């Protein structure tokens, strides 16, 4: 698994910063066992496309994910997207690949700081953009609470926007996918549909007819214990089921905590990142940097 930190701007060989990011995702993925099936680099302003195939942690999977750039100079947005598929047809457009789901991630044309993590089954990242605000993206398998026979293709795709919306990073309404119950998060279910699932700990459950609060926004608000923060798995769930958890992304309390803090647990470093420009107790995730 690989984690890289740094920034891109508009001075590199690819041109605009969001194009630099797309190339960076490609090279990082290839270094971690992914195969590039499509990579286009038009210079006329049309979307650049990247489609990847991964082998998963078992080494024998066929995981299809994609990323692409899209922007509008007049509207001053320069975005990426995360996408997932169930197959790849060379002659099909990006949006007509089998089982397509996509979510946009606002970025920038000049400078973007990034935290990019990649293993053989998923790619996740956080971006620092503009004023600044913090953007998030995830594409690939999550960790299912089921056997491979029960859940053979546990794909999750999440960004900040519903589809490839024409939205600038400064829009205060955009929010990370890890809160769940939003159209910018899709979980590929076993019946072939995409579910916009809830995500605990931001959403609670109903047990025996009673609402169960959650430790971030419900009846109990987490904080540190002597400067040590507990990281909570982010569970893809609904009112009756828990399907699994995100790989390498966890919830963390914002109590006496700030973005870009790091914490090390069992030798693994995590970086704390906020949701957009939000800084409340319940507005932070910890991204595993290994």
C-alpha atoms as a PDB file:
ATOM      1  CA  UNK A   1       0.000   0.000   0.000  1.00  0.00           C
ATOM      2  CA  UNK A   2       1.200   3.500  -0.767  1.00  0.00           C
ATOM      3  CA  UNK A   3       0.492   6.919   0.725  1.00  0.00           C
ATOM      4  CA  UNK A   4       1.843  10.092  -0.829  1.00  0.00           C
ATOM      5  CA  UNK A   5       1.534  13.669   0.407  1.00  0.00           C
ATOM      6  CA  UNK A   6       2.364  16.886  -1.377  1.00  0.00           C
ATOM      7  CA  UNK A   7       0.883  19.435  -3.711  1.00  0.00           C
ATOM      8  CA  UNK A   8       0.352  20.026  -7.402  1.00  0.00           C
ATOM      9  CA  UNK A   9      -0.025  23.294  -9.249  1.00  0.00           C
ATOM     10  CA  UNK A  10      -0.217  24.583 -12.806  1.00  0.00           C
ATOM     11  CA  UNK A  11       3.528  24.521 -13.494  1.00  0.00           C
ATOM     12  CA  UNK A  12       3.973  20.799 -14.198  1.00  0.00           C
ATOM     13  CA  UNK A  13       4.034  18.941 -17.480  1.00  0.00           C
ATOM     14  CA  UNK A  14       0.291  18.156 -17.385  1.00  0.00           C
ATOM     15  CA  UNK A  15      -0.763  21.801 -17.090  1.00  0.00           C
ATOM     16  CA  UNK A  16      -3.646  22.614 -14.730  1.00  0.00           C
ATOM     17  CA  UNK A  17      -3.516  21.353 -11.148  1.00  0.00           C
ATOM     18  CA  UNK A  18      -6.520  19.037 -11.438  1.00  0.00           C
ATOM     19  CA  UNK A  19      -4.902  17.462 -14.536  1.00  0.00           C
ATOM     20  CA  UNK A  20      -1.732  16.964 -12.511  1.00  0.00           C
ATOM     21  CA  UNK A  21      -3.811  15.182  -9.866  1.00  0.00           C
ATOM     22  CA  UNK A  22      -5.334  12.828 -12.410  1.00  0.00           C
ATOM     23  CA  UNK A  23      -1.869  11.865 -13.661  1.00  0.00           C
ATOM     24  CA  UNK A  24      -0.706  11.396 -10.069  1.00  0.00           C
ATOM     25  CA  UNK A  25      -3.594   9.014  -9.356  1.00  0.00           C
ATOM     26  CA  UNK A  26      -2.648   7.043 -12.467  1.00  0.00           C
ATOM     27  CA  UNK A  27       1.036   6.634 -11.588  1.00  0.00           C
ATOM     28  CA  UNK A  28       0.288   5.837  -7.942  1.00  0.00           C
ATOM     29  CA  UNK A  29      -2.309   3.238  -8.907  1.00  0.00           C
ATOM     30  CA  UNK A  30       0.032   1.566 -11.396  1.00  0.00           C
ATOM     31  CA  UNK A  31       2.728   1.368  -8.712  1.00  0.00           C
ATOM     32  CA  UNK A  32       0.256  -0.516  -6.511  1.00  0.00           C
ATOM     33  CA  UNK A  33      -0.866  -3.177  -8.963  1.00  0.00           C
ATOM     34  CA  UNK A  34      -3.620  -1.408 -10.878  1.00  0.00           C
ATOM     35  CA  UNK A  35      -3.768  -1.646 -14.667  1.00  0.00           C
ATOM     36  CA  UNK A  36      -4.672   1.394 -16.733  1.00  0.00           C
ATOM     37  CA  UNK A  37      -7.374   0.544 -19.268  1.00  0.00           C
ATOM     38  CA  UNK A  38      -7.958   4.091 -20.502  1.00  0.00           C
ATOM     39  CA  UNK A  39      -6.120   7.375 -20.080  1.00  0.00           C
ATOM     40  CA  UNK A  40      -6.978  10.325 -22.280  1.00  0.00           C
ATOM     41  CA  UNK A  41      -5.298  13.740 -22.174  1.00  0.00           C
ATOM     42  CA  UNK A  42      -7.129  16.172 -24.484  1.00  0.00           C
ATOM     43  CA  UNK A  43      -5.986  19.787 -24.293  1.00  0.00           C
ATOM     44  CA  UNK A  44      -9.174  21.395 -25.632  1.00  0.00           C
ATOM     45  CA  UNK A  45     -10.834  21.515 -22.202  1.00  0.00           C
ATOM     46  CA  UNK A  46     -12.917  18.343 -22.601  1.00  0.00           C
ATOM     47  CA  UNK A  47     -12.724  15.820 -19.754  1.00  0.00           C
ATOM     48  CA  UNK A  48      -9.585  13.758 -19.272  1.00  0.00           C
ATOM     49  CA  UNK A  49     -10.436  10.164 -18.384  1.00  0.00           C
ATOM     50  CA  UNK A  50      -8.738   7.435 -16.362  1.00  0.00           C
ATOM     51  CA  UNK A  51     -10.163   3.918 -16.002  1.00  0.00           C
ATOM     52  CA  UNK A  52      -8.346   1.359 -13.859  1.00  0.00           C
ATOM     53  CA  UNK A  53      -8.611  -2.352 -13.131  1.00  0.00           C
ATOM     54  CA  UNK A  54      -7.424  -3.715  -9.796  1.00  0.00           C
ATOM     55  CA  UNK A  55      -6.807  -7.230  -8.512  1.00  0.00           C
ATOM     56  CA  UNK A  56      -7.904  -6.627  -4.906  1.00  0.00           C
ATOM     57  CA  UNK A  57      -6.219  -7.802  -1.732  1.00  0.00           C
ATOM     58  CA  UNK A  58      -6.718 -11.427  -2.770  1.00  0.00           C
ATOM     59  CA  UNK A  59      -4.896 -10.841  -6.044  1.00  0.00           C
ATOM     60  CA  UNK A  60      -7.628 -12.436  -8.159  1.00  0.00           C
ATOM     61  CA  UNK A  61     -10.346  -9.765  -8.244  1.00  0.00           C
ATOM     62  CA  UNK A  62     -11.509  -7.593 -11.143  1.00  0.00           C
ATOM     63  CA  UNK A  63     -12.205  -4.159  -9.636  1.00  0.00           C
ATOM     64  CA  UNK A  64     -13.177  -1.428 -12.095  1.00  0.00           C
ATOM     65  CA  UNK A  65     -12.948   2.202 -11.030  1.00  0.00           C
ATOM     66  CA  UNK A  66     -12.395   5.501 -12.801  1.00  0.00           C
ATOM     67  CA  UNK A  67     -11.517   9.151 -12.359  1.00  0.00           C
ATOM     68  CA  UNK A  68     -11.892  12.074 -14.711  1.00  0.00           C
ATOM     69  CA  UNK A  69     -11.405  15.819 -14.833  1.00  0.00           C
ATOM     70  CA  UNK A  70     -14.000  18.362 -15.862  1.00  0.00           C
ATOM     71  CA  UNK A  71     -13.931  22.143 -15.681  1.00  0.00           C
ATOM     72  CA  UNK A  72     -15.405  25.402 -16.881  1.00  0.00           C
ATOM     73  CA  UNK A  73     -13.155  28.449 -17.103  1.00  0.00           C
ATOM     74  CA  UNK A  74     -16.004  30.974 -17.101  1.00  0.00           C
ATOM     75  CA  UNK A  75     -17.588  29.436 -13.997  1.00  0.00           C
ATOM     76  CA  UNK A  76     -14.164  29.006 -12.333  1.00  0.00           C
ATOM     77  CA  UNK A  77     -14.506  25.360 -11.338  1.00  0.00           C
ATOM     78  CA  UNK A  78     -11.859  22.716 -11.941  1.00  0.00           C
ATOM     79  CA  UNK A  79     -13.024  19.351 -10.652  1.00  0.00           C
ATOM     80  CA  UNK A  80     -12.236  15.663 -10.560  1.00  0.00           C
ATOM     81  CA  UNK A  81     -14.626  12.766 -10.165  1.00  0.00           C
ATOM     82  CA  UNK A  82     -14.589   9.260  -8.706  1.00  0.00           C
ATOM     83  CA  UNK A  83     -16.456   6.482 -10.499  1.00  0.00           C
ATOM     84  CA  UNK A  84     -17.139   2.772 -10.294  1.00  0.00           C
ATOM     85  CA  UNK A  85     -18.142   0.141 -12.858  1.00  0.00           C
ATOM     86  CA  UNK A  86     -18.801  -3.590 -13.064  1.00  0.00           C
ATOM     87  CA  UNK A  87     -17.083  -4.062 -16.428  1.00  0.00           C
ATOM     88  CA  UNK A  88     -15.154  -2.276 -19.118  1.00  0.00           C
ATOM     89  CA  UNK A  89     -16.113  -1.885 -22.775  1.00  0.00           C
ATOM     90  CA  UNK A  90     -13.387  -0.074 -24.786  1.00  0.00           C
ATOM     91  CA  UNK A  91     -15.875   1.404 -27.236  1.00  0.00           C
ATOM     92  CA  UNK A  92     -18.169   2.844 -24.567  1.00  0.00           C
ATOM     93  CA  UNK A  93     -17.987   6.359 -23.198  1.00  0.00           C
ATOM     94  CA  UNK A  94     -17.012   6.889 -19.576  1.00  0.00           C
ATOM     95  CA  UNK A  95     -20.622   7.341 -18.482  1.00  0.00           C
ATOM     96  CA  UNK A  96     -21.912   4.311 -20.409  1.00  0.00           C
ATOM     97  CA  UNK A  97     -19.529   1.762 -18.923  1.00  0.00           C
ATOM     98  CA  UNK A  98     -21.389  -1.181 -17.333  1.00  0.00           C
ATOM     99  CA  UNK A  99     -22.721  -0.427 -13.862  1.00  0.00           C
ATOM    100  CA  UNK A 100     -21.609   3.208 -13.898  1.00  0.00           C
ATOM    101  CA  UNK A 101     -21.795   5.447 -10.807  1.00  0.00           C
ATOM    102  CA  UNK A 102     -19.936   8.762 -10.450  1.00  0.00           C
ATOM    103  CA  UNK A 103     -19.464  11.588  -7.949  1.00  0.00           C
ATOM    104  CA  UNK A 104     -17.608  14.860  -8.459  1.00  0.00           C
ATOM    105  CA  UNK A 105     -14.860  16.297  -6.249  1.00  0.00           C
ATOM    106  CA  UNK A 106     -14.157  20.044  -6.495  1.00  0.00           C
ATOM    107  CA  UNK A 107     -10.481  20.855  -6.984  1.00  0.00           C
ATOM    108  CA  UNK A 108      -8.520  23.773  -8.451  1.00  0.00           C
ATOM    109  CA  UNK A 109      -6.531  24.831 -11.481  1.00  0.00           C
ATOM    110  CA  UNK A 110      -3.625  26.451  -9.626  1.00  0.00           C
ATOM    111  CA  UNK A 111      -2.670  24.632  -6.420  1.00  0.00           C
ATOM    112  CA  UNK A 112      -4.071  21.600  -4.611  1.00  0.00           C
ATOM    113  CA  UNK A 113      -2.476  19.971  -1.570  1.00  0.00           C
ATOM    114  CA  UNK A 114      -3.221  16.250  -1.404  1.00  0.00           C
ATOM    115  CA  UNK A 115      -3.149  13.151   0.771  1.00  0.00           C
ATOM    116  CA  UNK A 116      -3.472  10.160  -1.573  1.00  0.00           C
ATOM    117  CA  UNK A 117      -3.639   6.556  -0.379  1.00  0.00           C
ATOM    118  CA  UNK A 118      -3.774   3.498  -2.583  1.00  0.00           C
ATOM    119  CA  UNK A 119      -3.792  -0.249  -2.128  1.00  0.00           C
ATOM    120  CA  UNK A 120      -4.797  -3.082  -4.427  1.00  0.00           C
ATOM    121  CA  UNK A 121      -8.519  -2.680  -3.767  1.00  0.00           C
ATOM    122  CA  UNK A 122      -9.236   1.038  -3.305  1.00  0.00           C
ATOM    123  CA  UNK A 123      -7.985   4.589  -3.815  1.00  0.00           C
ATOM    124  CA  UNK A 124      -8.887   7.348  -1.368  1.00  0.00           C
ATOM    125  CA  UNK A 125      -7.761  10.933  -1.060  1.00  0.00           C
ATOM    126  CA  UNK A 126      -8.195  14.237   0.699  1.00  0.00           C
ATOM    127  CA  UNK A 127      -7.592  17.572  -1.021  1.00  0.00           C
ATOM    128  CA  UNK A 128      -6.883  21.031   0.382  1.00  0.00           C
ATOM    129  CA  UNK A 129      -8.311  23.578  -2.002  1.00  0.00           C
ATOM    130  CA  UNK A 130      -8.621  27.343  -2.144  1.00  0.00           C
ATOM    131  CA  UNK A 131      -9.593  29.240   0.980  1.00  0.00           C
ATOM    132  CA  UNK A 132      -8.927  26.467   2.217  1.00  0.00           C
ATOM    133  CA  UNK A 133     -11.601  23.811   2.216  1.00  0.00           C
ATOM    134  CA  UNK A 134     -11.102  20.056   2.299  1.00  0.00           C
ATOM    135  CA  UNK A 135     -12.469  17.698  -0.333  1.00  0.00           C
ATOM    136  CA  UNK A 136     -12.717  13.902  -0.188  1.00  0.00           C
ATOM    137  CA  UNK A 137     -12.864  11.026  -2.657  1.00  0.00           C
ATOM    138  CA  UNK A 138     -13.065   7.209  -2.452  1.00  0.00           C
ATOM    139  CA  UNK A 139     -13.314   4.551  -5.164  1.00  0.00           C
ATOM    140  CA  UNK A 140     -12.896   0.795  -4.791  1.00  0.00           C
ATOM    141  CA  UNK A 141     -13.827  -2.015  -2.454  1.00  0.00           C
ATOM    142  CA  UNK A 142     -14.888  -1.465   1.120  1.00  0.00           C
ATOM    143  CA  UNK A 143     -14.419  -4.141   3.809  1.00  0.00           C
ATOM    144  CA  UNK A 144     -17.650  -6.174   3.724  1.00  0.00           C
ATOM    145  CA  UNK A 145     -19.086  -7.951   6.725  1.00  0.00           C
ATOM    146  CA  UNK A 146     -19.701 -10.991   4.555  1.00  0.00           C
ATOM    147  CA  UNK A 147     -17.839 -13.764   2.758  1.00  0.00           C
ATOM    148  CA  UNK A 148     -16.736 -13.332  -0.875  1.00  0.00           C
ATOM    149  CA  UNK A 149     -19.497 -15.733  -1.863  1.00  0.00           C
ATOM    150  CA  UNK A 150     -22.108 -13.637  -0.079  1.00  0.00           C
ATOM    151  CA  UNK A 151     -20.807 -10.272  -1.296  1.00  0.00           C
ATOM    152  CA  UNK A 152     -18.496 -10.767  -4.297  1.00  0.00           C
ATOM    153  CA  UNK A 153     -18.261  -7.139  -5.466  1.00  0.00           C
ATOM    154  CA  UNK A 154     -18.370  -4.734  -2.470  1.00  0.00           C
ATOM    155  CA  UNK A 155     -17.718  -1.538  -4.404  1.00  0.00           C
ATOM    156  CA  UNK A 156     -18.131   1.944  -2.934  1.00  0.00           C
ATOM    157  CA  UNK A 157     -17.731   5.273  -4.691  1.00  0.00           C
ATOM    158  CA  UNK A 158     -17.898   8.631  -2.951  1.00  0.00           C
ATOM    159  CA  UNK A 159     -17.094  12.249  -3.671  1.00  0.00           C
ATOM    160  CA  UNK A 160     -18.529  15.611  -2.706  1.00  0.00           C
ATOM    161  CA  UNK A 161     -21.169  16.083  -5.416  1.00  0.00           C
ATOM    162  CA  UNK A 162     -24.141  14.296  -6.907  1.00  0.00           C
ATOM    163  CA  UNK A 163     -22.774  13.204 -10.273  1.00  0.00           C
ATOM    164  CA  UNK A 164     -20.473  15.623 -12.078  1.00  0.00           C
ATOM    165  CA  UNK A 165     -22.246  18.740 -10.912  1.00  0.00           C
ATOM    166  CA  UNK A 166     -21.040  22.131 -12.160  1.00  0.00           C
ATOM    167  CA  UNK A 167     -20.083  23.175  -8.642  1.00  0.00           C
ATOM    168  CA  UNK A 168     -17.122  25.238  -7.406  1.00  0.00           C
ATOM    169  CA  UNK A 169     -15.198  24.302  -4.274  1.00  0.00           C
ATOM    170  CA  UNK A 170     -16.545  27.408  -2.494  1.00  0.00           C
ATOM    171  CA  UNK A 171     -20.138  26.107  -2.393  1.00  0.00           C
ATOM    172  CA  UNK A 172     -20.885  25.754   1.358  1.00  0.00           C
ATOM    173  CA  UNK A 173     -23.491  23.036   0.809  1.00  0.00           C
ATOM    174  CA  UNK A 174     -21.090  20.348  -0.425  1.00  0.00           C
ATOM    175  CA  UNK A 175     -20.159  17.628   2.038  1.00  0.00           C
ATOM    176  CA  UNK A 176     -18.016  14.506   2.252  1.00  0.00           C
ATOM    177  CA  UNK A 177     -19.516  11.123   1.345  1.00  0.00           C
ATOM    178  CA  UNK A 178     -18.630   9.516   4.675  1.00  0.00           C
ATOM    179  CA  UNK A 179     -21.652  11.030   6.440  1.00  0.00           C
ATOM    180  CA  UNK A 180     -23.842   8.803   4.269  1.00  0.00           C
ATOM    181  CA  UNK A 181     -27.490   9.128   3.253  1.00  0.00           C
ATOM    182  CA  UNK A 182     -26.429  11.276   0.297  1.00  0.00           C
ATOM    183  CA  UNK A 183     -26.427  10.997  -3.478  1.00  0.00           C
ATOM    184  CA  UNK A 184     -22.660  11.522  -3.586  1.00  0.00           C
ATOM    185  CA  UNK A 185     -22.092   8.085  -2.023  1.00  0.00           C
ATOM    186  CA  UNK A 186     -22.938   4.874  -3.835  1.00  0.00           C
ATOM    187  CA  UNK A 187     -22.559   1.314  -2.549  1.00  0.00           C
ATOM    188  CA  UNK A 188     -22.912  -1.452  -5.151  1.00  0.00           C
ATOM    189  CA  UNK A 189     -25.321  -3.926  -3.590  1.00  0.00           C
ATOM    190  CA  UNK A 190     -25.508  -7.666  -4.274  1.00  0.00           C
ATOM    191  CA  UNK A 191     -28.662  -7.204  -6.345  1.00  0.00           C
ATOM    192  CA  UNK A 192     -26.804  -4.965  -8.818  1.00  0.00           C
ATOM    193  CA  UNK A 193     -28.260  -1.664  -7.632  1.00  0.00           C
ATOM    194  CA  UNK A 194     -26.458   1.331  -6.157  1.00  0.00           C
ATOM    195  CA  UNK A 195     -27.546   2.197  -2.611  1.00  0.00           C
ATOM    196  CA  UNK A 196     -27.096   5.639  -1.043  1.00  0.00           C
ATOM    197  CA  UNK A 197     -26.477   4.122   2.356  1.00  0.00           C
ATOM    198  CA  UNK A 198     -26.342   5.617   5.811  1.00  0.00           C
ATOM    199  CA  UNK A 199     -22.959   5.776   7.515  1.00  0.00           C
ATOM    200  CA  UNK A 200     -22.498   5.183  11.218  1.00  0.00           C
ATOM    201  CA  UNK A 201     -21.347   6.947  13.399  1.00  0.00           C
ATOM    202  CA  UNK A 202     -23.106   9.867  11.706  1.00  0.00           C
ATOM    203  CA  UNK A 203     -26.366   7.954  11.558  1.00  0.00           C
ATOM    204  CA  UNK A 204     -27.836   5.815  14.299  1.00  0.00           C
ATOM    205  CA  UNK A 205     -30.075   2.769  14.140  1.00  0.00           C
ATOM    206  CA  UNK A 206     -33.472   1.684  15.288  1.00  0.00           C
ATOM    207  CA  UNK A 207     -33.286  -1.355  17.564  1.00  0.00           C
ATOM    208  CA  UNK A 208     -36.493  -3.002  18.807  1.00  0.00           C
ATOM    209  CA  UNK A 209     -38.396   0.134  17.838  1.00  0.00           C
ATOM    210  CA  UNK A 210     -36.085   2.464  19.738  1.00  0.00           C
ATOM    211  CA  UNK A 211     -33.759   5.026  18.160  1.00  0.00           C
ATOM    212  CA  UNK A 212     -30.127   4.417  19.038  1.00  0.00           C
ATOM    213  CA  UNK A 213     -28.018   7.567  19.201  1.00  0.00           C
ATOM    214  CA  UNK A 214     -24.565   7.870  17.747  1.00  0.00           C
ATOM    215  CA  UNK A 215     -21.313   8.929  19.428  1.00  0.00           C
ATOM    216  CA  UNK A 216     -20.626  11.922  17.192  1.00  0.00           C
ATOM    217  CA  UNK A 217     -23.905  13.788  16.952  1.00  0.00           C
ATOM    218  CA  UNK A 218     -26.313  11.971  19.223  1.00  0.00           C
ATOM    219  CA  UNK A 219     -26.645  11.691  22.976  1.00  0.00           C
ATOM    220  CA  UNK A 220     -22.947  11.021  23.550  1.00  0.00           C
ATOM    221  CA  UNK A 221     -20.269  13.297  22.111  1.00  0.00           C
ATOM    222  CA  UNK A 222     -16.831  11.755  21.870  1.00  0.00           C
ATOM    223  CA  UNK A 223     -13.684  13.600  22.886  1.00  0.00           C
ATOM    224  CA  UNK A 224     -10.107  12.623  23.554  1.00  0.00           C
ATOM    225  CA  UNK A 225      -8.917  10.822  26.661  1.00  0.00           C
ATOM    226  CA  UNK A 226      -5.716  12.392  27.881  1.00  0.00           C
ATOM    227  CA  UNK A 227      -4.868  13.571  24.393  1.00  0.00           C
ATOM    228  CA  UNK A 228      -5.575  10.162  22.813  1.00  0.00           C
ATOM    229  CA  UNK A 229      -8.329  10.002  20.202  1.00  0.00           C
ATOM    230  CA  UNK A 230     -10.387   6.941  19.406  1.00  0.00           C
ATOM    231  CA  UNK A 231     -10.863   6.274  15.700  1.00  0.00           C
ATOM    232  CA  UNK A 232     -14.237   4.793  14.776  1.00  0.00           C
ATOM    233  CA  UNK A 233     -14.893   2.618  11.725  1.00  0.00           C
ATOM    234  CA  UNK A 234     -17.293   4.260   9.262  1.00  0.00           C
ATOM    235  CA  UNK A 235     -19.986   1.648   8.701  1.00  0.00           C
ATOM    236  CA  UNK A 236     -22.079   1.455   5.534  1.00  0.00           C
ATOM    237  CA  UNK A 237     -25.503   0.657   6.903  1.00  0.00           C
ATOM    238  CA  UNK A 238     -29.227   1.181   6.802  1.00  0.00           C
ATOM    239  CA  UNK A 239     -31.943   0.931   9.383  1.00  0.00           C
ATOM    240  CA  UNK A 240     -31.731  -2.866   9.502  1.00  0.00           C
ATOM    241  CA  UNK A 241     -28.299  -3.894   8.198  1.00  0.00           C
ATOM    242  CA  UNK A 242     -24.574  -3.217   8.486  1.00  0.00           C
ATOM    243  CA  UNK A 243     -22.823  -4.034   5.217  1.00  0.00           C
ATOM    244  CA  UNK A 244     -19.199  -3.272   6.040  1.00  0.00           C
ATOM    245  CA  UNK A 245     -16.777  -0.408   6.592  1.00  0.00           C
ATOM    246  CA  UNK A 246     -14.580   1.881   4.549  1.00  0.00           C
ATOM    247  CA  UNK A 247     -11.006   0.739   4.077  1.00  0.00           C
ATOM    248  CA  UNK A 248      -8.560   3.118   5.775  1.00  0.00           C
ATOM    249  CA  UNK A 249     -11.018   5.943   6.527  1.00  0.00           C
ATOM    250  CA  UNK A 250     -12.355   6.444  10.050  1.00  0.00           C
ATOM    251  CA  UNK A 251     -14.331   8.964  12.054  1.00  0.00           C
ATOM    252  CA  UNK A 252     -12.608  11.012  14.736  1.00  0.00           C
ATOM    253  CA  UNK A 253     -13.852  13.597  17.204  1.00  0.00           C
ATOM    254  CA  UNK A 254     -13.159  17.250  16.506  1.00  0.00           C
ATOM    255  CA  UNK A 255     -12.998  18.070  20.219  1.00  0.00           C
ATOM    256  CA  UNK A 256      -9.769  20.059  20.741  1.00  0.00           C
ATOM    257  CA  UNK A 257      -8.663  18.753  17.348  1.00  0.00           C
ATOM    258  CA  UNK A 258      -7.775  20.468  14.067  1.00  0.00           C
ATOM    259  CA  UNK A 259      -7.352  19.573  10.430  1.00  0.00           C
ATOM    260  CA  UNK A 260      -3.965  18.160   9.385  1.00  0.00           C
ATOM    261  CA  UNK A 261      -3.217  16.876  12.875  1.00  0.00           C
ATOM    262  CA  UNK A 262      -1.742  13.394  12.781  1.00  0.00           C
ATOM    263  CA  UNK A 263      -2.146  10.504  15.170  1.00  0.00           C
ATOM    264  CA  UNK A 264      -0.361   7.154  15.240  1.00  0.00           C
ATOM    265  CA  UNK A 265      -2.139   4.023  16.389  1.00  0.00           C
ATOM    266  CA  UNK A 266      -0.392   0.641  16.424  1.00  0.00           C
ATOM    267  CA  UNK A 267       2.371   2.120  14.289  1.00  0.00           C
ATOM    268  CA  UNK A 268      -0.023   3.450  11.632  1.00  0.00           C
ATOM    269  CA  UNK A 269      -0.179   7.215  11.046  1.00  0.00           C
ATOM    270  CA  UNK A 270      -3.496   8.904  10.265  1.00  0.00           C
ATOM    271  CA  UNK A 271      -4.112  12.485   9.139  1.00  0.00           C
ATOM    272  CA  UNK A 272      -7.157  14.371  10.407  1.00  0.00           C
ATOM    273  CA  UNK A 273      -9.172  16.174   7.710  1.00  0.00           C
ATOM    274  CA  UNK A 274     -12.351  18.225   8.015  1.00  0.00           C
ATOM    275  CA  UNK A 275     -15.515  18.088   5.941  1.00  0.00           C
ATOM    276  CA  UNK A 276     -15.330  21.013   3.526  1.00  0.00           C
ATOM    277  CA  UNK A 277     -15.034  24.089   5.734  1.00  0.00           C
ATOM    278  CA  UNK A 278     -16.850  22.555   8.720  1.00  0.00           C
ATOM    279  CA  UNK A 279     -15.080  22.451  12.086  1.00  0.00           C
ATOM    280  CA  UNK A 280     -17.647  21.093  14.540  1.00  0.00           C
ATOM    281  CA  UNK A 281     -17.045  18.087  16.789  1.00  0.00           C
ATOM    282  CA  UNK A 282     -18.612  15.765  14.208  1.00  0.00           C
ATOM    283  CA  UNK A 283     -16.931  17.114  11.084  1.00  0.00           C
ATOM    284  CA  UNK A 284     -13.677  15.166  10.879  1.00  0.00           C
ATOM    285  CA  UNK A 285     -12.308  11.940   9.452  1.00  0.00           C
ATOM    286  CA  UNK A 286      -8.921  10.287   9.893  1.00  0.00           C
ATOM    287  CA  UNK A 287      -7.283   8.989   6.706  1.00  0.00           C
ATOM    288  CA  UNK A 288      -4.821   6.134   7.155  1.00  0.00           C
ATOM    289  CA  UNK A 289      -1.400   6.955   5.715  1.00  0.00           C
ATOM    290  CA  UNK A 290       0.348   3.643   5.011  1.00  0.00           C
END
